[in-house]
C-alpha cells in the first residue's frame, strides 16, 4: 500500500519549487531462509554427502518513507539552474517465527539513503553553450559501495540551425568510481570519460 503527496508552487516569476513525500507499507516480501543441512539420502548422491537446502518464503514486512524536493531557477535570460535532493528510509523486519538477516541487509543496503544534484545551463554569446552537472549519491552498505560525488561538463556550439558540435566530460572528479556492486565480484567501476559529438541535419 503506497501513499504519496506533493505540490509545485511558483515562488517568484523565475523560481518555482516542487516537493513530494511518500510512505509505503509492505507485507509478505519474499526472503531466503537460513540453510538447512542434512545428510544426503543415498544414490544418486555419494556416501557422506550433505544437502544444503534454502527455502524462499514471504517472510518480511516493513515500510519505506522519504521525500524529494526540486527547486528550479531561471537566474537570467541566459542562465538556468536546477537542483534536487531526495531522502529514503527503509525499515524492514522479519515476520514472526521467521529469521533471516541476509535478505534484510540486501534490501536495506542496496538503495542510497540520500541523493542530490545541481545542474547549470548557460547560453553564451556566439551560439555557445556551457552546461555543468554535479551529483552526490550515498553509500550502498550491502554492496560495499562508498558514497561518491562527481561532475559532468559540456561545451556546445551551434553555428547554424543545421549544425551542432559539443564536447562533454563525464565523471570528472575521480579516474573511476563504483556505483553498484555485483556478486560475485569484482565491482564494476565507472570511468572518467570525454566525448565529442557532431550533428548535422537538413
Protein backbone atom coordinates (compact mmCIF):
# COMPACT_ATOMS: atom_id res chain seq x y z
CA UNK A 1 0.00 0.00 0.00
CA UNK A 2 1.54 3.31 -1.11
CA UNK A 3 0.74 6.87 -0.08
CA UNK A 4 2.19 9.86 -1.87
CA UNK A 5 1.52 13.57 -1.96
CA UNK A 6 3.24 16.55 -3.48
CA UNK A 7 3.00 20.12 -4.58
CA UNK A 8 4.53 22.55 -7.04
CA UNK A 9 4.45 26.26 -6.38
CA UNK A 10 5.70 29.39 -8.11
CA UNK A 11 7.56 31.45 -5.51
CA UNK A 12 8.77 34.08 -7.98
CA UNK A 13 8.14 34.52 -11.73
CA UNK A 14 11.55 32.91 -12.28
CA UNK A 15 11.66 30.49 -9.36
CA UNK A 16 9.46 27.51 -8.52
CA UNK A 17 9.80 24.54 -6.19
CA UNK A 18 8.27 21.08 -6.42
CA UNK A 19 8.22 18.68 -3.46
CA UNK A 20 6.63 15.37 -2.60
CA UNK A 21 6.68 12.81 0.19
CA UNK A 22 5.79 9.11 0.23
CA UNK A 23 5.09 6.25 2.62
CA UNK A 24 4.91 2.61 1.51
CA UNK A 25 3.82 -0.34 3.63
CA UNK A 26 4.87 -3.87 2.65
CA UNK A 27 3.88 -7.34 3.79
CA UNK A 28 4.88 -10.81 2.62
CA UNK A 29 8.08 -9.77 0.85
CA UNK A 30 10.00 -12.76 -0.46
CA UNK A 31 13.04 -13.80 1.57
CA UNK A 32 15.59 -16.58 1.73
CA UNK A 33 15.62 -18.73 4.83
CA UNK A 34 18.78 -19.86 6.59
CA UNK A 35 20.27 -23.02 5.04
CA UNK A 36 19.21 -26.41 6.36
CA UNK A 37 21.99 -29.01 6.28
CA UNK A 38 21.21 -32.72 6.15
CA UNK A 39 22.94 -35.94 5.17
CA UNK A 40 22.07 -36.97 1.61
CA UNK A 41 19.64 -39.93 1.48
CA UNK A 42 21.87 -42.04 -0.76
CA UNK A 43 22.03 -42.66 -4.53
CA UNK A 44 22.45 -40.77 -6.73
CA UNK A 45 24.43 -38.88 -4.07
CA UNK A 46 27.83 -40.27 -2.99
CA UNK A 47 28.31 -41.61 0.56
CA UNK A 48 28.68 -38.98 3.30
CA UNK A 49 27.32 -36.26 1.01
CA UNK A 50 25.39 -33.38 2.52
CA UNK A 51 22.49 -31.40 1.12
CA UNK A 52 22.14 -27.66 1.69
CA UNK A 53 18.52 -26.58 1.36
CA UNK A 54 17.32 -22.99 1.04
CA UNK A 55 13.67 -22.09 1.27
CA UNK A 56 12.12 -18.96 -0.22
CA UNK A 57 9.08 -17.71 1.66
CA UNK A 58 7.14 -14.47 2.03
CA UNK A 59 8.76 -13.65 5.35
CA UNK A 60 9.46 -9.91 5.53
CA UNK A 61 7.32 -6.86 6.30
CA UNK A 62 8.08 -3.20 6.85
CA UNK A 63 7.90 0.32 5.49
CA UNK A 64 9.79 2.80 3.37
CA UNK A 65 9.33 6.54 3.53
CA UNK A 66 11.04 9.64 2.26
CA UNK A 67 10.72 12.85 0.31
CA UNK A 68 12.07 14.76 -2.69
CA UNK A 69 12.50 18.47 -3.30
CA UNK A 70 13.46 20.10 -6.60
CA UNK A 71 13.90 23.88 -6.97
CA UNK A 72 14.15 25.42 -10.45
CA UNK A 73 15.53 28.91 -11.07
CA UNK A 74 15.73 30.93 -14.28
CA UNK A 75 18.52 33.13 -12.91
CA UNK A 76 18.63 35.30 -16.05
CA UNK A 77 17.66 35.17 -19.68
CA UNK A 78 20.74 33.05 -20.41
CA UNK A 79 21.21 31.05 -17.16
CA UNK A 80 19.01 28.21 -15.93
CA UNK A 81 19.67 26.35 -12.64
CA UNK A 82 18.03 23.14 -11.42
CA UNK A 83 18.65 21.25 -8.19
CA UNK A 84 17.23 18.27 -6.35
CA UNK A 85 17.51 16.33 -3.11
CA UNK A 86 15.91 13.03 -2.11
CA UNK A 87 15.85 11.04 1.10
CA UNK A 88 14.85 7.39 1.59
CA UNK A 89 14.48 5.40 4.81
CA UNK A 90 13.96 1.62 4.67
CA UNK A 91 12.67 -0.17 7.76
CA UNK A 92 12.13 -3.90 7.20
CA UNK A 93 11.70 -6.74 9.70
CA UNK A 94 11.22 -10.49 9.67
CA UNK A 95 7.70 -11.86 10.08
CA UNK A 96 7.07 -13.54 13.47
CA UNK A 97 8.60 -17.01 13.50
CA UNK A 98 10.94 -16.33 10.57
CA UNK A 99 14.62 -15.46 10.93
CA UNK A 100 16.63 -14.04 8.05
CA UNK A 101 19.32 -11.39 8.09
CA UNK A 102 20.83 -11.79 4.61
CA UNK A 103 17.75 -10.58 2.74
CA UNK A 104 17.16 -7.74 5.20
CA UNK A 105 20.70 -6.44 4.73
CA UNK A 106 20.45 -6.68 0.95
CA UNK A 107 17.13 -4.86 0.79
CA UNK A 108 18.06 -2.21 3.32
CA UNK A 109 21.53 -1.54 1.96
CA UNK A 110 21.01 -1.59 -1.79
CA UNK A 111 19.38 1.83 -2.21
CA UNK A 112 21.07 5.17 -1.41
CA UNK A 113 19.57 6.95 1.58
CA UNK A 114 20.41 10.37 0.14
CA UNK A 115 20.92 11.73 -3.37
CA UNK A 116 21.44 15.30 -4.57
CA UNK A 117 22.19 17.06 -7.83
CA UNK A 118 22.81 20.56 -9.17
CA UNK A 119 22.58 21.47 -12.86
CA UNK A 120 23.54 24.73 -14.53
CA UNK A 121 22.86 25.64 -18.18
CA UNK A 122 24.39 28.81 -19.59
CA UNK A 123 23.81 30.18 -23.10
CA UNK A 124 26.92 32.15 -24.10
CA UNK A 125 27.42 34.64 -26.96
CA UNK A 126 28.21 33.42 -30.48
CA UNK A 127 25.83 30.43 -30.07
CA UNK A 128 27.94 28.69 -27.42
CA UNK A 129 26.51 26.65 -24.51
CA UNK A 130 28.15 25.80 -21.19
CA UNK A 131 26.42 23.16 -19.03
CA UNK A 132 27.57 21.77 -15.68
CA UNK A 133 26.13 18.98 -13.55
CA UNK A 134 27.15 17.98 -10.01
CA UNK A 135 25.73 15.00 -8.14
CA UNK A 136 26.10 13.17 -4.84
CA UNK A 137 24.96 9.60 -4.17
CA UNK A 138 25.02 7.97 -0.74
CA UNK A 139 26.69 4.66 0.03
CA UNK A 140 25.26 1.17 -0.57
CA UNK A 141 26.27 -0.79 2.51
CA UNK A 142 25.01 -4.16 1.21
CA UNK A 143 27.08 -3.80 -1.97
CA UNK A 144 30.27 -2.37 -0.42
CA UNK A 145 29.91 0.81 -2.46
CA UNK A 146 31.02 4.08 -0.87
CA UNK A 147 29.28 7.41 -1.30
CA UNK A 148 30.60 9.49 -4.17
CA UNK A 149 30.43 12.99 -5.64
CA UNK A 150 31.18 13.70 -9.26
CA UNK A 151 30.52 16.18 -12.06
CA UNK A 152 29.89 16.44 -15.80
CA UNK A 153 30.68 19.43 -18.02
CA UNK A 154 29.51 20.11 -21.57
CA UNK A 155 30.53 22.82 -24.05
CA UNK A 156 28.34 23.14 -27.13
CA UNK A 157 28.41 25.28 -30.25
CA UNK A 158 25.55 25.83 -32.69
CA UNK A 159 27.00 27.77 -35.65
CA UNK A 160 23.79 27.27 -37.63
CA UNK A 161 20.34 25.73 -37.34
CA UNK A 162 21.59 22.55 -39.01
CA UNK A 163 24.99 22.07 -37.33
CA UNK A 164 25.79 21.33 -33.66
CA UNK A 165 29.11 20.43 -32.07
CA UNK A 166 29.66 19.52 -28.41
CA UNK A 167 32.44 18.29 -26.12
CA UNK A 168 31.44 16.54 -22.88
CA UNK A 169 33.45 15.38 -19.89
CA UNK A 170 31.78 12.88 -17.54
CA UNK A 171 32.65 11.71 -14.01
CA UNK A 172 35.42 14.26 -13.75
CA UNK A 173 36.20 14.17 -10.03
CA UNK A 174 37.82 10.71 -9.99
CA UNK A 175 39.56 8.45 -12.52
CA UNK A 176 36.88 5.86 -11.71
CA UNK A 177 34.32 5.03 -9.03
CA UNK A 178 31.83 2.22 -8.26
CA UNK A 179 28.10 2.92 -8.47
CA UNK A 180 26.82 -0.57 -7.69
CA UNK A 181 28.22 -3.90 -6.59
CA UNK A 182 27.84 -7.33 -8.14
CA UNK A 183 28.05 -10.82 -6.66
CA UNK A 184 30.44 -12.42 -7.32
CA UNK A 185 32.98 -9.57 -7.57
CA UNK A 186 34.79 -7.67 -8.98
CA UNK A 187 32.76 -4.50 -8.65
CA UNK A 188 32.11 -2.57 -11.87
CA UNK A 189 33.91 0.79 -11.97
CA UNK A 190 32.54 3.77 -13.89
CA UNK A 191 35.46 5.54 -15.58
CA UNK A 192 36.04 9.20 -16.35
CA UNK A 193 35.25 9.92 -19.99
CA UNK A 194 35.44 12.63 -22.65
CA UNK A 195 33.14 12.59 -25.67
CA UNK A 196 32.81 14.70 -28.82
CA UNK A 197 29.58 14.89 -30.80
CA UNK A 198 28.83 16.37 -34.21
CA UNK A 199 25.25 16.59 -35.51
CA UNK A 200 24.23 17.82 -38.96
CA UNK A 201 20.60 17.90 -40.00
CA UNK A 202 18.78 19.17 -43.08
